[in-house]
PDB file of N, CA and C in Angstrom:
ATOM      1  N   MET A   1      -3.415  -9.684  -5.166  1.00  0.00           N
ATOM      2  CA  MET A   1      -2.882  -9.212  -3.808  1.00  0.00           C
ATOM      3  C   MET A   1      -1.856  -7.978  -4.509  1.00  0.00           C
ATOM      4  N   ALA A   2      -2.385  -6.942  -3.882  1.00  0.00           N
ATOM      5  CA  ALA A   2      -1.614  -5.940  -4.263  1.00  0.00           C
ATOM      6  C   ALA A   2      -0.106  -5.574  -3.283  1.00  0.00           C
ATOM      7  N   LEU A   3       0.956  -5.123  -3.802  1.00  0.00           N
ATOM      8  CA  LEU A   3       2.279  -5.058  -3.089  1.00  0.00           C
ATOM      9  C   LEU A   3       2.056  -4.081  -2.153  1.00  0.00           C
ATOM     10  N   ASN A   4       2.558  -4.072  -0.903  1.00  0.00           N
ATOM     11  CA  ASN A   4       2.540  -2.998   0.260  1.00  0.00           C
ATOM     12  C   ASN A   4       3.467  -2.000  -0.093  1.00  0.00           C
ATOM     13  N   GLN A   5       2.975  -0.736   0.062  1.00  0.00           N
ATOM     14  CA  GLN A   5       3.532   0.451  -0.102  1.00  0.00           C
ATOM     15  C   GLN A   5       4.755   0.640   0.485  1.00  0.00           C
ATOM     16  N   LYS A   6       4.970   0.074   1.783  1.00  0.00           N
ATOM     17  CA  LYS A   6       6.220  -0.011   2.705  1.00  0.00           C
ATOM     18  C   LYS A   6       7.238  -0.759   1.866  1.00  0.00           C
ATOM     19  N   VAL A   7       7.075  -2.055   1.398  1.00  0.00           N
ATOM     20  CA  VAL A   7       8.015  -2.644   0.494  1.00  0.00           C
ATOM     21  C   VAL A   7       8.341  -1.942  -0.628  1.00  0.00           C
ATOM     22  N   ILE A   8       7.346  -1.106  -1.354  1.00  0.00           N
ATOM     23  CA  ILE A   8       7.990  -0.358  -2.428  1.00  0.00           C
ATOM     24  C   ILE A   8       8.755   0.690  -2.124  1.00  0.00           C
ATOM     25  N   GLN A   9       8.546   1.243  -0.776  1.00  0.00           N
ATOM     26  CA  GLN A   9       9.751   2.555  -0.249  1.00  0.00           C
ATOM     27  C   GLN A   9      11.044   1.858   0.296  1.00  0.00           C
ATOM     28  N   VAL A  10      10.872   0.740   0.633  1.00  0.00           N
ATOM     29  CA  VAL A  10      12.226   0.018   1.160  1.00  0.00           C
ATOM     30  C   VAL A  10      13.074  -0.082  -0.185  1.00  0.00           C
ATOM     31  N   VAL A  11      12.416  -0.915  -0.876  1.00  0.00           N
ATOM     32  CA  VAL A  11      13.157  -1.245  -2.459  1.00  0.00           C
ATOM     33  C   VAL A  11      13.667   0.077  -3.046  1.00  0.00           C
ATOM     34  N   SER A  12      12.661   0.955  -3.333  1.00  0.00           N
ATOM     35  CA  SER A  12      12.857   2.255  -3.596  1.00  0.00           C
ATOM     36  C   SER A  12      14.238   2.987  -3.095  1.00  0.00           C
ATOM     37  N   HIS A  13      14.246   3.045  -1.723  1.00  0.00           N
ATOM     38  CA  HIS A  13      15.362   3.728  -1.238  1.00  0.00           C
ATOM     39  C   HIS A  13      16.744   3.192  -1.728  1.00  0.00           C
ATOM     40  N   GLU A  14      16.797   1.539  -1.710  1.00  0.00           N
ATOM     41  CA  GLU A  14      17.967   0.649  -2.232  1.00  0.00           C
ATOM     42  C   GLU A  14      18.390   1.131  -3.608  1.00  0.00           C
ATOM     43  N   ILE A  15      17.217   1.272  -4.584  1.00  0.00           N
ATOM     44  CA  ILE A  15      17.624   1.544  -5.791  1.00  0.00           C
ATOM     45  C   ILE A  15      18.000   2.951  -6.107  1.00  0.00           C
ATOM     46  N   TYR A  16      17.499   3.888  -5.156  1.00  0.00           N
ATOM     47  CA  TYR A  16      18.054   5.529  -5.158  1.00  0.00           C
ATOM     48  C   TYR A  16      19.532   5.156  -4.759  1.00  0.00           C
ATOM     49  N   ARG A  17      19.859   4.529  -3.678  1.00  0.00           N
ATOM     50  CA  ARG A  17      21.137   4.290  -3.224  1.00  0.00           C
ATOM     51  C   ARG A  17      22.377   3.877  -4.309  1.00  0.00           C
ATOM     52  N   ARG A  18      21.699   3.068  -4.957  1.00  0.00           N
ATOM     53  CA  ARG A  18      22.534   2.227  -6.012  1.00  0.00           C
ATOM     54  C   ARG A  18      22.539   3.228  -7.318  1.00  0.00           C
ATOM     55  N   PHE A  19      21.511   3.449  -7.861  1.00  0.00           N
ATOM     56  CA  PHE A  19      21.449   4.503  -9.147  1.00  0.00           C
ATOM     57  C   PHE A  19      20.719   5.755  -8.864  1.00  0.00           C
ATOM     58  N   PRO A  20      21.692   6.587  -8.475  1.00  0.00           N
ATOM     59  CA  PRO A  20      21.168   8.065  -8.515  1.00  0.00           C
ATOM     60  C   PRO A  20      20.603   8.763  -9.244  1.00  0.00           C
ATOM     61  N   GLU A  21      20.792   8.331 -10.597  1.00  0.00           N
ATOM     62  CA  GLU A  21      20.027   9.020 -11.586  1.00  0.00           C
ATOM     63  C   GLU A  21      18.738   8.729 -11.597  1.00  0.00           C
ATOM     64  N   VAL A  22      18.143   7.881 -10.757  1.00  0.00           N
ATOM     65  CA  VAL A  22      16.432   7.665 -10.988  1.00  0.00           C
ATOM     66  C   VAL A  22      16.314   8.198  -9.361  1.00  0.00           C
ATOM     67  N   LYS A  23      16.808   8.723  -8.755  1.00  0.00           N
ATOM     68  CA  LYS A  23      16.553   9.103  -7.186  1.00  0.00           C
ATOM     69  C   LYS A  23      15.042  10.109  -7.354  1.00  0.00           C
ATOM     70  N   GLY A  24      14.256   9.659  -6.409  1.00  0.00           N
ATOM     71  CA  GLY A  24      12.856  10.460  -6.449  1.00  0.00           C
ATOM     72  C   GLY A  24      12.406  10.056  -7.467  1.00  0.00           C
ATOM     73  N   LYS A  25      12.258   9.124  -8.206  1.00  0.00           N
ATOM     74  CA  LYS A  25      11.495   8.550  -9.344  1.00  0.00           C
ATOM     75  C   LYS A  25      10.576   7.648  -8.835  1.00  0.00           C
ATOM     76  N   LYS A  26       9.229   7.798  -8.932  1.00  0.00           N
ATOM     77  CA  LYS A  26       8.711   6.746  -8.598  1.00  0.00           C
ATOM     78  C   LYS A  26       8.242   5.646  -9.508  1.00  0.00           C
ATOM     79  N   PRO A  27       8.325   4.217  -9.108  1.00  0.00           N
ATOM     80  CA  PRO A  27       8.461   3.200 -10.040  1.00  0.00           C
ATOM     81  C   PRO A  27       7.279   3.010 -10.555  1.00  0.00           C
ATOM     82  N   ARG A  28       7.080   2.028 -11.607  1.00  0.00           N
ATOM     83  CA  ARG A  28       5.866   1.539 -12.021  1.00  0.00           C
ATOM     84  C   ARG A  28       5.786   0.239 -11.715  1.00  0.00           C
ATOM     85  N   VAL A  29       4.774  -0.458 -11.197  1.00  0.00           N
ATOM     86  CA  VAL A  29       4.843  -1.577 -10.372  1.00  0.00           C
ATOM     87  C   VAL A  29       3.808  -2.481 -11.485  1.00  0.00           C
ATOM     88  N   GLN A  30       4.429  -3.837 -11.508  1.00  0.00           N
ATOM     89  CA  GLN A  30       3.398  -4.601 -12.349  1.00  0.00           C
ATOM     90  C   GLN A  30       3.748  -6.048 -11.755  1.00  0.00           C
ATOM     91  N   GLN A  31       2.553  -6.647 -11.308  1.00  0.00           N
ATOM     92  CA  GLN A  31       2.625  -8.142 -10.676  1.00  0.00           C
ATOM     93  C   GLN A  31       3.093  -9.133 -12.144  1.00  0.00           C
ATOM     94  N   ARG A  32       4.203  -9.928 -11.812  1.00  0.00           N
ATOM     95  CA  ARG A  32       4.310 -10.775 -12.940  1.00  0.00           C
ATOM     96  C   ARG A  32       3.710 -12.201 -12.406  1.00  0.00           C
ATOM     97  N   SER A  33       3.222 -12.910 -13.660  1.00  0.00           N
ATOM     98  CA  SER A  33       2.642 -14.035 -13.598  1.00  0.00           C
ATOM     99  C   SER A  33       3.559 -15.033 -13.255  1.00  0.00           C
ATOM    100  N   THR A  34       3.389 -16.112 -12.730  1.00  0.00           N
ATOM    101  CA  THR A  34       4.299 -17.089 -12.193  1.00  0.00           C
ATOM    102  C   THR A  34       4.370 -18.025 -13.586  1.00  0.00           C
ATOM    103  N   THR A  35       5.509 -18.705 -13.783  1.00  0.00           N
ATOM    104  CA  THR A  35       5.740 -19.500 -14.795  1.00  0.00           C
ATOM    105  C   THR A  35       5.708 -20.793 -14.660  1.00  0.00           C
ATOM    106  N   LYS A  36       5.346 -21.664 -15.683  1.00  0.00           N
ATOM    107  CA  LYS A  36       5.403 -23.085 -15.196  1.00  0.00           C
ATOM    108  C   LYS A  36       6.833 -23.530 -15.474  1.00  0.00           C
ATOM    109  N   GLY A  37       6.725 -24.764 -15.192  1.00  0.00           N
ATOM    110  CA  GLY A  37       8.195 -25.279 -15.525  1.00  0.00           C
ATOM    111  C   GLY A  37       9.313 -24.824 -14.625  1.00  0.00           C
ATOM    112  N   ARG A  38      10.506 -24.890 -15.430  1.00  0.00           N
ATOM    113  CA  ARG A  38      11.736 -24.125 -14.577  1.00  0.00           C
ATOM    114  C   ARG A  38      11.920 -22.787 -14.301  1.00  0.00           C
ATOM    115  N   SER A  39      12.071 -22.480 -13.213  1.00  0.00           N
ATOM    116  CA  SER A  39      12.109 -21.164 -12.861  1.00  0.00           C
ATOM    117  C   SER A  39      13.145 -20.602 -11.859  1.00  0.00           C
ATOM    118  N   ILE A  40      13.999 -19.530 -11.980  1.00  0.00           N
ATOM    119  CA  ILE A  40      14.723 -19.342 -10.988  1.00  0.00           C
ATOM    120  C   ILE A  40      14.174 -18.899  -9.667  1.00  0.00           C
ATOM    121  N   PHE A  41      12.609 -18.204 -10.092  1.00  0.00           N
ATOM    122  CA  PHE A  41      12.076 -17.750  -8.895  1.00  0.00           C
ATOM    123  C   PHE A  41      11.312 -18.924  -8.431  1.00  0.00           C
ATOM    124  N   SER A  42      10.749 -18.591  -7.110  1.00  0.00           N
ATOM    125  CA  SER A  42       9.834 -19.677  -6.348  1.00  0.00           C
ATOM    126  C   SER A  42       8.372 -19.462  -6.920  1.00  0.00           C
ATOM    127  N   SER A  43       7.480 -20.258  -6.427  1.00  0.00           N
ATOM    128  CA  SER A  43       5.997 -20.083  -6.994  1.00  0.00           C
ATOM    129  C   SER A  43       5.387 -18.850  -6.418  1.00  0.00           C
ATOM    130  N   ARG A  44       5.800 -18.335  -5.340  1.00  0.00           N
ATOM    131  CA  ARG A  44       5.260 -16.977  -5.027  1.00  0.00           C
ATOM    132  C   ARG A  44       5.098 -15.911  -5.792  1.00  0.00           C
ATOM    133  N   PRO A  45       4.374 -15.043  -5.853  1.00  0.00           N
ATOM    134  CA  PRO A  45       4.218 -14.156  -6.775  1.00  0.00           C
ATOM    135  C   PRO A  45       5.373 -12.990  -6.921  1.00  0.00           C
ATOM    136  N   THR A  46       5.917 -12.459  -7.896  1.00  0.00           N
ATOM    137  CA  THR A  46       6.917 -11.407  -7.964  1.00  0.00           C
ATOM    138  C   THR A  46       6.428 -10.384  -8.872  1.00  0.00           C
ATOM    139  N   TYR A  47       7.291  -9.311  -8.381  1.00  0.00           N
ATOM    140  CA  TYR A  47       6.667  -8.067  -9.244  1.00  0.00           C
ATOM    141  C   TYR A  47       7.950  -7.224  -9.730  1.00  0.00           C
ATOM    142  N   LEU A  48       7.422  -6.771 -10.624  1.00  0.00           N
ATOM    143  CA  LEU A  48       8.463  -5.720 -11.723  1.00  0.00           C
ATOM    144  C   LEU A  48       8.403  -4.416 -11.174  1.00  0.00           C
ATOM    145  N   LEU A  49       9.469  -3.641 -11.077  1.00  0.00           N
ATOM    146  CA  LEU A  49       9.271  -2.530 -10.687  1.00  0.00           C
ATOM    147  C   LEU A  49      10.413  -1.603 -11.771  1.00  0.00           C
ATOM    148  N   THR A  50      10.054  -0.645 -12.256  1.00  0.00           N
ATOM    149  CA  THR A  50      10.530   0.120 -13.386  1.00  0.00           C
ATOM    150  C   THR A  50      10.792   1.400 -13.069  1.00  0.00           C
ATOM    151  N   PHE A  51      11.926   1.890 -12.890  1.00  0.00           N
ATOM    152  CA  PHE A  51      12.098   3.185 -12.675  1.00  0.00           C
ATOM    153  C   PHE A  51      13.056   3.879 -13.997  1.00  0.00           C
ATOM    154  N   ARG A  52      12.582   5.178 -14.052  1.00  0.00           N
ATOM    155  CA  ARG A  52      12.900   5.776 -15.422  1.00  0.00           C
ATOM    156  C   ARG A  52      13.759   7.167 -15.020  1.00  0.00           C
ATOM    157  N   GLY A  53      14.543   7.348 -15.545  1.00  0.00           N
ATOM    158  CA  GLY A  53      15.351   8.778 -15.357  1.00  0.00           C
ATOM    159  C   GLY A  53      16.220   9.002 -16.485  1.00  0.00           C
ATOM    160  N   GLN A  54      17.087   9.963 -16.319  1.00  0.00           N
ATOM    161  CA  GLN A  54      17.949  10.485 -17.367  1.00  0.00           C
ATOM    162  C   GLN A  54      19.421  10.606 -16.613  1.00  0.00           C
ATOM    163  N   ALA A  55      20.154  10.105 -17.836  1.00  0.00           N
ATOM    164  CA  ALA A  55      21.557  10.183 -17.359  1.00  0.00           C
ATOM    165  C   ALA A  55      22.448  11.196 -18.494  1.00  0.00           C
ATOM    166  N   THR A  56      23.394  11.968 -17.952  1.00  0.00           N
ATOM    167  CA  THR A  56      24.112  13.069 -18.637  1.00  0.00           C
ATOM    168  C   THR A  56      25.402  12.350 -19.097  1.00  0.00           C
ATOM    169  N   THR A  57      25.593  12.176 -20.549  1.00  0.00           N
ATOM    170  CA  THR A  57      26.820  11.850 -21.129  1.00  0.00           C
ATOM    171  C   THR A  57      28.092  12.795 -20.817  1.00  0.00           C
ATOM    172  N   SER A  58      29.306  12.521 -21.259  1.00  0.00           N
ATOM    173  CA  SER A  58      30.531  13.258 -21.154  1.00  0.00           C
ATOM    174  C   SER A  58      30.194  14.400 -22.060  1.00  0.00           C
ATOM    175  N   THR A  59      29.289  14.430 -22.930  1.00  0.00           N
ATOM    176  CA  THR A  59      29.242  15.530 -23.915  1.00  0.00           C
ATOM    177  C   THR A  59      27.988  16.335 -23.775  1.00  0.00           C
ATOM    178  N   ASN A  60      27.709  16.492 -22.498  1.00  0.00           N
ATOM    179  CA  ASN A  60      26.498  16.983 -21.896  1.00  0.00           C
ATOM    180  C   ASN A  60      25.096  16.523 -22.765  1.00  0.00           C
ATOM    181  N   LYS A  61      25.089  15.498 -23.255  1.00  0.00           N
ATOM    182  CA  LYS A  61      23.760  15.000 -23.870  1.00  0.00           C
ATOM    183  C   LYS A  61      22.979  14.259 -22.782  1.00  0.00           C
ATOM    184  N   THR A  62      21.704  14.371 -23.172  1.00  0.00           N
ATOM    185  CA  THR A  62      20.956  13.243 -21.993  1.00  0.00           C
ATOM    186  C   THR A  62      20.390  12.099 -22.660  1.00  0.00           C
ATOM    187  N   MET A  63      20.271  10.956 -22.006  1.00  0.00           N
ATOM    188  CA  MET A  63      19.664   9.834 -22.724  1.00  0.00           C
ATOM    189  C   MET A  63      18.896   9.308 -21.650  1.00  0.00           C
ATOM    190  N   PRO A  64      17.788   8.544 -21.925  1.00  0.00           N
ATOM    191  CA  PRO A  64      17.256   7.741 -21.184  1.00  0.00           C
ATOM    192  C   PRO A  64      17.872   6.615 -20.390  1.00  0.00           C
ATOM    193  N   TYR A  65      17.141   6.416 -19.176  1.00  0.00           N
ATOM    194  CA  TYR A  65      17.868   5.383 -18.340  1.00  0.00           C
ATOM    195  C   TYR A  65      16.799   4.516 -17.644  1.00  0.00           C
ATOM    196  N   TRP A  66      16.990   3.382 -17.595  1.00  0.00           N
ATOM    197  CA  TRP A  66      15.853   2.350 -16.813  1.00  0.00           C
ATOM    198  C   TRP A  66      16.580   1.554 -15.991  1.00  0.00           C
ATOM    199  N   VAL A  67      16.144   1.448 -14.733  1.00  0.00           N
ATOM    200  CA  VAL A  67      16.286   0.268 -13.919  1.00  0.00           C
ATOM    201  C   VAL A  67      15.139  -0.562 -13.484  1.00  0.00           C
ATOM    202  N   ARG A  68      15.255  -1.747 -13.929  1.00  0.00           N
ATOM    203  CA  ARG A  68      14.177  -2.742 -13.847  1.00  0.00           C
ATOM    204  C   ARG A  68      14.513  -3.616 -12.675  1.00  0.00           C
ATOM    205  N   VAL A  69      13.439  -3.874 -11.573  1.00  0.00           N
ATOM    206  CA  VAL A  69      13.946  -4.643 -10.405  1.00  0.00           C
ATOM    207  C   VAL A  69      12.887  -5.609 -10.343  1.00  0.00           C
ATOM    208  N   VAL A  70      13.343  -7.166 -10.028  1.00  0.00           N
ATOM    209  CA  VAL A  70      12.078  -7.798  -9.842  1.00  0.00           C
ATOM    210  C   VAL A  70      12.320  -8.200  -8.439  1.00  0.00           C
ATOM    211  N   ILE A  71      11.326  -8.207  -7.618  1.00  0.00           N
ATOM    212  CA  ILE A  71      11.185  -8.536  -6.502  1.00  0.00           C
ATOM    213  C   ILE A  71       9.929  -9.333  -5.906  1.00  0.00           C
ATOM    214  N   ASN A  72      10.282 -10.393  -4.531  1.00  0.00           N
ATOM    215  CA  ASN A  72       9.296 -11.022  -4.104  1.00  0.00           C
ATOM    216  C   ASN A  72       8.404 -10.339  -3.380  1.00  0.00           C
ATOM    217  N   ASP A  73       7.074 -10.817  -3.012  1.00  0.00           N
ATOM    218  CA  ASP A  73       6.109 -10.147  -2.393  1.00  0.00           C
ATOM    219  C   ASP A  73       6.396  -9.726  -0.852  1.00  0.00           C
ATOM    220  N   GLN A  74       7.599 -10.203  -0.446  1.00  0.00           N
ATOM    221  CA  GLN A  74       7.960  -9.660   1.067  1.00  0.00           C
ATOM    222  C   GLN A  74       9.092  -8.624   0.727  1.00  0.00           C
ATOM    223  N   GLY A  75       9.602  -8.060  -0.557  1.00  0.00           N
ATOM    224  CA  GLY A  75      10.632  -7.340  -0.782  1.00  0.00           C
ATOM    225  C   GLY A  75      11.734  -7.389  -1.279  1.00  0.00           C
ATOM    226  N   ARG A  76      12.224  -8.917  -1.266  1.00  0.00           N
ATOM    227  CA  ARG A  76      13.534  -9.357  -1.462  1.00  0.00           C
ATOM    228  C   ARG A  76      13.835  -9.080  -2.861  1.00  0.00           C
ATOM    229  N   ILE A  77      15.111  -8.491  -3.363  1.00  0.00           N
ATOM    230  CA  ILE A  77      15.432  -8.122  -4.546  1.00  0.00           C
ATOM    231  C   ILE A  77      15.976  -9.443  -5.108  1.00  0.00           C
ATOM    232  N   LEU A  78      15.267 -10.031  -6.403  1.00  0.00           N
ATOM    233  CA  LEU A  78      15.682 -11.231  -6.857  1.00  0.00           C
ATOM    234  C   LEU A  78      16.551 -10.889  -8.324  1.00  0.00           C
ATOM    235  N   LYS A  79      16.430  -9.617  -8.627  1.00  0.00           N
ATOM    236  CA  LYS A  79      17.258  -9.390 -10.047  1.00  0.00           C
ATOM    237  C   LYS A  79      17.133  -7.802 -10.163  1.00  0.00           C
ATOM    238  N   ILE A  80      18.254  -7.175 -10.815  1.00  0.00           N
ATOM    239  CA  ILE A  80      18.237  -5.952 -11.213  1.00  0.00           C
ATOM    240  C   ILE A  80      18.933  -6.014 -12.402  1.00  0.00           C
ATOM    241  N   THR A  81      18.110  -4.897 -13.369  1.00  0.00           N
ATOM    242  CA  THR A  81      18.863  -4.694 -14.662  1.00  0.00           C
ATOM    243  C   THR A  81      18.953  -3.274 -14.890  1.00  0.00           C
ATOM    244  N   MET A  82      19.646  -2.506 -15.771  1.00  0.00           N
ATOM    245  CA  MET A  82      19.583  -1.376 -16.034  1.00  0.00           C
ATOM    246  C   MET A  82      19.979  -1.227 -17.519  1.00  0.00           C
ATOM    247  N   SER A  83      19.359  -0.100 -18.121  1.00  0.00           N
ATOM    248  CA  SER A  83      19.793  -0.003 -19.497  1.00  0.00           C
ATOM    249  C   SER A  83      20.030   1.603 -19.657  1.00  0.00           C
ATOM    250  N   HIS A  84      20.574   1.843 -20.848  1.00  0.00           N
ATOM    251  CA  HIS A  84      20.452   3.496 -21.077  1.00  0.00           C
ATOM    252  C   HIS A  84      20.076   3.550 -22.787  1.00  0.00           C
TER     253      HIS A  84
END
């Protein structure tokens, strides 16, 4: 089942608000397989949205910036991680 585009837009808007470095960037969307055994997520499908941008350091250097968001099929954000 593909993720609804409206759900992607709503989640993207929230990520742009929290992380302006990736504002306007389209996320890469991947469906994650459900894991067997203990999991913090339910058995419902989850999706990984990856936003990539650039941040500027205090010395005017640019560095890659990623925001990874795990959501359920209803668009509820389950986990957010970011890295430079």
